[in-house]
Protein backbone atom coordinates (compact mmCIF):
# COMPACT_ATOMS: atom_id res chain seq x y z
CA MET A 1 81.59 191.20 176.36
CA SER A 2 81.15 194.94 176.01
CA THR A 3 78.31 196.81 177.65
CA TYR A 4 76.32 199.41 175.67
CA ILE A 5 75.28 202.74 177.17
CA PHE A 6 72.53 204.68 175.44
CA GLY A 7 69.65 207.09 175.86
CA HIS A 8 66.05 207.21 174.63
CA THR A 9 64.69 207.11 171.09
CA ASN A 10 64.85 210.47 169.25
CA PRO A 11 67.86 211.32 171.38
CA ASP A 12 68.41 214.81 172.72
CA SER A 13 71.69 216.31 173.88
CA ASP A 14 71.34 214.96 177.41
CA SER A 15 70.96 211.36 176.21
CA ILE A 16 73.81 211.57 173.67
CA VAL A 17 76.25 213.37 175.98
CA GLY A 18 75.08 211.16 178.85
CA ALA A 19 76.06 208.05 176.87
CA ILE A 20 79.48 209.56 176.22
CA SER A 21 80.14 210.81 179.75
CA LEU A 22 78.87 207.66 181.50
CA THR A 23 80.83 205.41 179.12
CA TYR A 24 84.12 207.21 179.96
CA LEU A 25 83.38 206.92 183.69
CA LYS A 26 82.52 203.24 183.52
CA ASN A 27 85.63 202.50 181.43
CA GLN A 28 87.74 204.31 184.03
CA LEU A 29 86.18 202.12 186.67
CA GLY A 30 87.23 198.97 184.79
CA GLU A 31 84.11 198.13 182.82
CA ASP A 32 84.28 197.64 179.04
CA CYS A 33 81.57 200.02 177.77
CA ILE A 34 80.57 201.49 174.40
CA ALA A 35 78.56 204.68 173.90
CA ALA A 36 75.55 204.15 171.61
CA ARG A 37 72.45 205.98 170.38
CA GLN A 38 69.04 204.89 169.13
CA GLY A 39 68.62 207.58 166.44
CA ASP A 40 69.87 210.66 164.64
CA ILE A 41 71.16 213.64 166.54
CA SER A 42 69.73 217.16 166.55
CA PRO A 43 71.45 220.32 165.28
CA GLU A 44 72.03 221.31 168.91
CA THR A 45 73.83 218.05 169.70
CA GLU A 46 75.87 218.38 166.57
CA PHE A 47 76.90 221.85 167.73
CA ILE A 48 78.02 220.47 171.10
CA LEU A 49 80.01 217.61 169.61
CA ASN A 50 81.70 219.94 167.12
CA ARG A 51 82.48 222.55 169.79
CA PHE A 52 84.26 220.10 172.07
CA GLY A 53 85.51 217.50 169.59
CA GLY A 54 83.16 214.81 170.79
CA THR A 55 82.80 211.46 168.97
CA LEU A 56 79.31 210.57 167.78
CA PRO A 57 78.12 207.42 169.59
CA GLU A 58 77.48 204.28 167.57
CA LEU A 59 73.99 203.94 166.01
CA LYS A 60 72.43 200.75 167.39
CA THR A 61 68.77 199.93 167.65
CA SER A 62 68.81 196.25 168.68
CA TYR A 63 70.13 195.07 172.05
CA ALA A 64 68.91 191.48 172.46
CA GLY A 65 71.47 189.49 174.40
CA GLU A 66 73.47 192.60 175.33
CA ASN A 67 74.39 194.12 178.66
CA VAL A 68 73.22 197.72 178.82
CA TYR A 69 73.06 200.88 180.89
CA LEU A 70 70.15 203.28 180.22
CA VAL A 71 70.58 207.05 180.36
CA ASP A 72 67.84 209.67 180.55
CA PHE A 73 64.85 207.30 180.43
CA SER A 74 63.15 204.32 182.07
CA ASP A 75 60.02 204.00 179.91
CA LEU A 76 59.47 201.05 177.58
CA ALA A 77 57.93 203.39 175.00
CA GLN A 78 61.32 205.13 174.66
CA ALA A 79 63.38 201.93 174.64
CA PRO A 80 64.50 199.54 171.86
CA LYS A 81 61.82 197.06 170.95
CA ASP A 82 63.95 194.14 172.23
CA ILE A 83 64.97 195.76 175.53
CA LYS A 84 63.32 192.92 177.46
CA ASP A 85 65.83 190.54 175.87
CA SER A 86 68.81 192.51 177.21
CA THR A 87 70.33 192.65 180.69
CA ILE A 88 69.96 196.08 182.20
CA LEU A 89 72.87 196.70 184.50
CA GLY A 90 71.85 200.22 185.50
CA ILE A 91 69.75 203.33 184.94
CA VAL A 92 70.86 206.97 185.25
CA ASP A 93 67.94 209.39 184.92
CA HIS A 94 66.16 212.49 186.14
CA HIS A 95 62.60 211.75 185.07
CA LYS A 96 59.71 209.92 186.75
CA LEU A 97 60.23 206.21 187.21
CA GLY A 98 58.93 204.43 184.09
CA ASP A 99 57.65 200.93 183.44
CA ILE A 100 60.91 199.15 182.61
CA THR A 101 61.54 196.22 184.94
CA THR A 102 64.54 193.92 185.38
CA ASN A 103 65.15 190.30 186.29
CA THR A 104 68.28 191.02 188.30
CA PRO A 105 69.40 193.77 190.71
CA LEU A 106 70.76 196.88 189.06
CA GLU A 107 72.63 200.09 189.76
CA CYS A 108 70.19 203.01 189.88
CA TRP A 109 70.94 206.71 190.02
CA ILE A 110 67.69 208.64 189.65
CA ARG A 111 67.50 212.20 191.01
CA PRO A 112 64.82 214.92 190.82
CA ILE A 113 67.13 217.47 189.21
CA GLY A 114 67.46 219.23 185.86
CA CYS A 115 69.62 216.89 183.80
CA SER A 116 70.97 213.35 183.66
CA ASN A 117 74.45 214.76 183.13
CA THR A 118 74.17 216.46 186.52
CA VAL A 119 73.58 213.01 188.00
CA ILE A 120 76.61 211.65 186.08
CA LYS A 121 78.70 214.59 187.42
CA GLU A 122 77.75 213.42 190.94
CA MET A 123 78.83 209.89 189.97
CA TYR A 124 82.24 211.17 188.87
CA ASP A 125 82.56 213.03 192.18
CA TYR A 126 81.46 209.93 194.15
CA HIS A 127 84.03 207.72 192.44
CA LYS A 128 86.70 210.48 192.49
CA VAL A 129 87.31 210.23 188.75
CA ALA A 130 88.61 213.35 186.95
CA ILE A 131 86.47 214.58 184.07
CA PRO A 132 88.38 215.25 180.82
CA LYS A 133 88.15 218.80 179.46
CA ASP A 134 86.18 217.83 176.32
CA ILE A 135 83.64 215.69 178.23
CA ALA A 136 83.23 218.42 180.85
CA GLY A 137 82.34 220.91 178.13
CA MET A 138 79.75 218.59 176.58
CA MET A 139 78.24 217.82 180.01
CA MET A 140 78.01 221.53 180.78
CA CYS A 141 76.13 222.20 177.52
CA ALA A 142 73.75 219.29 178.11
CA ILE A 143 72.86 220.69 181.54
CA LEU A 144 72.37 224.23 180.10
CA SER A 145 70.17 222.75 177.39
CA ASP A 146 67.98 220.68 179.71
CA THR A 147 67.61 223.52 182.26
CA VAL A 148 67.05 226.11 179.47
CA ILE A 149 69.98 228.12 180.86
CA PHE A 150 68.64 227.71 184.41
CA LYS A 151 65.15 229.01 183.48
CA SER A 152 63.39 225.67 183.68
CA PRO A 153 61.46 224.82 186.88
CA THR A 154 63.38 221.55 186.90
CA CYS A 155 66.64 223.41 187.52
CA THR A 156 68.17 223.00 190.99
CA LYS A 157 71.14 224.36 192.87
CA VAL A 158 72.84 221.04 192.10
CA ASP A 159 72.60 221.78 188.34
CA THR A 160 73.90 225.35 188.63
CA LYS A 161 76.80 224.15 190.80
CA ALA A 162 77.62 221.41 188.32
CA VAL A 163 77.71 223.89 185.40
CA LYS A 164 80.05 226.25 187.27
CA GLU A 165 82.42 223.41 188.13
CA LEU A 166 82.33 221.95 184.64
CA SER A 167 82.94 225.39 183.10
CA GLU A 168 86.13 225.66 185.15
CA ILE A 169 87.31 222.24 183.92
CA CYS A 170 86.61 222.96 180.25
CA GLY A 171 87.83 226.58 180.36
CA VAL A 172 84.64 228.30 179.27
CA GLU A 173 84.15 231.49 181.28
CA ASP A 174 81.00 232.84 179.66
CA TYR A 175 78.95 229.66 179.56
CA LYS A 176 75.68 231.56 179.14
CA ALA A 177 76.93 233.10 175.92
CA LEU A 178 77.94 229.66 174.68
CA ALA A 179 74.48 228.39 175.65
CA MET A 180 72.81 231.08 173.52
CA GLU A 181 74.97 230.02 170.56
CA MET A 182 73.80 226.46 171.21
CA PHE A 183 70.13 227.43 171.30
CA ILE A 184 70.51 229.47 168.10
CA ALA A 185 71.89 226.27 166.46
CA LYS A 186 68.96 224.37 167.99
CA SER A 187 66.56 226.90 166.41
CA ALA A 188 67.73 226.21 162.86
CA VAL A 189 64.75 225.16 160.76
CA ASP A 190 65.83 225.93 157.21
CA GLY A 191 65.60 222.81 155.11
CA ALA A 192 64.20 220.71 158.00
CA SER A 193 61.13 218.61 157.24
CA ALA A 194 58.03 218.74 159.38
CA ARG A 195 58.86 215.25 160.64
CA ASN A 196 62.35 216.34 161.61
CA LEU A 197 60.96 219.29 163.59
CA ASN A 198 58.25 217.28 165.26
CA THR A 199 60.61 214.55 166.39
CA ARG A 200 63.79 216.42 167.35
CA ASP A 201 62.84 215.92 170.99
CA TYR A 202 59.87 213.57 170.91
CA LYS A 203 58.87 210.91 173.43
CA ALA A 204 56.03 208.42 173.54
CA PHE A 205 54.39 207.67 176.87
CA ASN A 206 52.09 204.88 178.06
CA MET A 207 49.63 206.80 180.24
CA ASN A 208 47.71 204.15 182.15
CA GLY A 209 47.28 202.04 179.04
CA THR A 210 46.83 204.93 176.60
CA LYS A 211 49.58 205.91 174.17
CA VAL A 212 50.44 209.62 174.07
CA GLY A 213 53.20 211.27 172.11
CA ILE A 214 54.78 214.56 173.26
CA GLY A 215 57.43 216.49 171.39
CA GLN A 216 59.17 219.72 172.35
CA LEU A 217 61.01 222.13 170.06
CA GLU A 218 62.92 224.73 172.07
CA MET A 219 63.82 227.83 170.09
CA VAL A 220 65.08 231.36 170.58
CA ASP A 221 62.10 232.66 168.60
CA ILE A 222 59.21 230.39 167.59
CA SER A 223 57.71 233.02 165.26
CA VAL A 224 59.90 231.66 162.47
CA LEU A 225 57.59 228.64 162.39
CA GLU A 226 54.33 230.59 161.94
CA SER A 227 54.22 229.85 158.21
CA ARG A 228 54.74 226.11 158.84
CA ILE A 229 52.12 225.39 161.53
CA ASN A 230 49.75 223.71 159.09
CA GLU A 231 52.60 221.57 157.81
CA LEU A 232 53.43 220.51 161.37
CA PHE A 233 49.78 219.65 162.03
CA GLU A 234 49.55 217.51 158.88
CA ASP A 235 52.62 215.54 159.97
CA MET A 236 51.24 215.20 163.51
CA LYS A 237 48.11 213.57 162.02
CA LEU A 238 50.32 211.08 160.24
CA MET A 239 52.35 210.33 163.37
CA LYS A 240 49.13 209.84 165.34
CA GLN A 241 47.87 207.32 162.80
CA GLU A 242 51.25 205.56 162.36
CA ASP A 243 51.79 205.04 166.12
CA SER A 244 48.11 204.50 167.06
CA LEU A 245 48.22 207.48 169.44
CA HIS A 246 45.30 208.79 171.42
CA THR A 247 46.91 212.21 171.62
CA ILE A 248 49.92 213.87 170.11
CA ILE A 249 51.26 217.20 171.47
CA ILE A 250 54.08 219.32 170.07
CA LEU A 251 55.34 222.13 172.29
CA LEU A 252 56.95 225.04 170.50
CA THR A 253 58.93 226.52 173.39
CA ASP A 254 60.16 230.09 173.16
CA ILE A 255 63.06 230.41 175.58
CA MET A 256 63.05 234.20 175.38
CA LYS A 257 59.32 234.65 176.00
CA GLU A 258 59.46 231.75 178.50
CA GLY A 259 56.39 229.94 177.33
CA SER A 260 55.16 227.37 174.85
CA GLN A 261 52.70 227.23 171.98
CA LEU A 262 50.87 223.92 172.34
CA LEU A 263 49.84 222.10 169.18
CA VAL A 264 47.58 219.10 169.75
CA ILE A 265 45.69 216.41 167.85
CA SER A 266 43.61 214.22 170.13
CA ASP A 267 40.67 211.82 170.31
CA ASP A 268 39.50 213.85 173.30
CA LEU A 269 40.75 217.45 173.53
CA SER A 270 38.97 217.89 176.87
CA LYS A 271 41.63 215.79 178.58
CA VAL A 272 44.30 218.27 177.48
CA GLU A 273 42.13 221.25 178.38
CA ASN A 274 41.43 219.82 181.83
CA ALA A 275 45.10 219.01 182.38
CA PHE A 276 46.20 222.62 181.87
CA GLY A 277 43.01 224.53 182.71
CA ILE A 278 42.89 226.07 179.23
CA LYS A 279 40.56 226.37 176.25
CA ILE A 280 42.06 224.99 173.01
CA GLN A 281 41.16 226.87 169.81
CA ASN A 282 42.05 225.54 166.37
CA ASN A 283 44.06 222.79 168.13
CA GLN A 284 46.36 225.40 169.69
CA ALA A 285 46.95 227.25 172.96
CA TRP A 286 49.66 229.42 174.46
CA LEU A 287 50.94 228.26 177.87
CA ASP A 288 52.79 231.06 179.59
CA GLY A 289 55.74 229.93 181.68
CA LEU A 290 55.73 226.39 180.40
CA LEU A 291 59.29 225.25 179.72
CA SER A 292 59.49 221.69 181.05
CA ARG A 293 57.75 218.67 179.61
CA LYS A 294 58.61 216.43 182.55
CA LYS A 295 57.56 218.81 185.32
CA GLN A 296 54.87 220.98 183.76
CA VAL A 297 53.20 218.57 181.29
CA ILE A 298 53.46 214.85 182.23
CA PRO A 299 52.34 215.19 185.89
CA PHE A 300 49.22 217.06 184.84
CA LEU A 301 48.36 215.13 181.69
CA GLN A 302 48.84 211.58 182.92
CA PRO A 303 46.09 211.73 185.60
CA GLN A 304 43.60 212.61 182.87
CA PHE A 305 44.04 209.05 181.54
């Protein structure tokens, strides 16, 4: 029986590449594993797969009766609906510990660092398994994406060391230049629907019994979206209604200005204002220096609930 390895819903590059890189490692260690995904990939992830010849993981949304490894999440809100009917063999993550529980002991690699693929790099090193050139390149890009080319407050020396070592394996000398190409691809909005933009990197959270949705769109220049803000808000209202959310936040993150425009629809805006010490006007606010959802948003917002 094969074991499936996959990341969260609305998968980002870390969860897709993490499924690929962890699957290769586990197969080398004698396990029969298959890389999977819960949803469509983003333009950035497509860029990474094309650049290094990666194979798109299998689309699979039901895992009842399956053995699984989870990558880049441990929250039920980001899991398949039937996750409780699967056997979770392990979790590899770099976020806060979520609310997924298991009936049996499991392998757990959770580290407070910038990217799940950095954790997987440590697993390769621990098991003394060589990383193939193509997988090393994809892992390097995933780390550069999650750490916003080392600008994110989540970035650690472990992440920068991993990128340097992976760049040597894949033969990319100027990895920062490649990362800028990747973020330019990530910034592509032409032809994209409001729902596509709002959900490219979107996660739902259960905050002490209250459902909150938070999306983040990292771009080289967010000004290209100025004419579409109302369109994004209208779709956010639909998402809030469809998922019975108390609050939905979309962060338009400008990696050059190193900050985020916060768009919010909420039953109680004061909770968001109190979380960040700001005044929201027209359901918007600029948050200077905010680049990380998991370190600069979740720890401040969750206590408000």
